Amino acid sequence: MEGPIRDRVAEDTLAFSEDDLETLAEPHNDALVISFLLNNIQVERVLVDPGSSANVIRSGVVEHLGLLNRIIPASRVLHDFNMTGEVTKGEITLPVGTFGMVQNTKFQVINGDIRYNALLGRSWIHSLRPVPSTLHQMIKFPTKGWLNHRIRRTACGERNVRCLPRGADPRTLDLRCV
């Protein structure tokens, strides 16, 4: 291997282990569903989907947040896996908060009814550089000064957040959040 790809070795490595599977009921085929903060409101049922090229949010969620006036009208057709199309109402950039990090994220706003309140696609994943794992029901975030940050959904549906300083035992730093 030559060139810039070979030279792009991360200082820290994010990896998943058998320990990360400890609290999960196996086997499972669950999607990776998390929650995040938007305008200081916790938005539940957010799908992390590496297969999606767009970030999507329901118009009803934007309305609930009181931000309908911030939607920029733009028609775009989003296609799902069977190529049926949904025309967007527009787009909106919202500050998505996870672990005290806030990332301005552009969402396509749709009127249609989808199972989730929002969908985070590849553009969000690539901008924050987290590593999602549906098997482990977890996202690990590389952050400066920490080995990693994790978001995990447990079998009962509550969110379990761990922040691990370098060299710490992960079993001793478990913070539960709703």
Foldseek 3Di string as FASTA:
>chain_A
DDDDVVVPDDPADDDDDVVLQVQADPDDDDFQWAWWDFPNDIFGFEGEEQVDPFKAAEPVVCVVVVNPVQFDADWDWDADPVGDTFTFRGKHWTFTDDPNDTDTGIHGYGHDDDPGRIYHYDVVCVVQVWDDDPRSSKIWGDDPQWNTWMWHAGPVGFIKIFTGGPPDDRVVTTDTDD
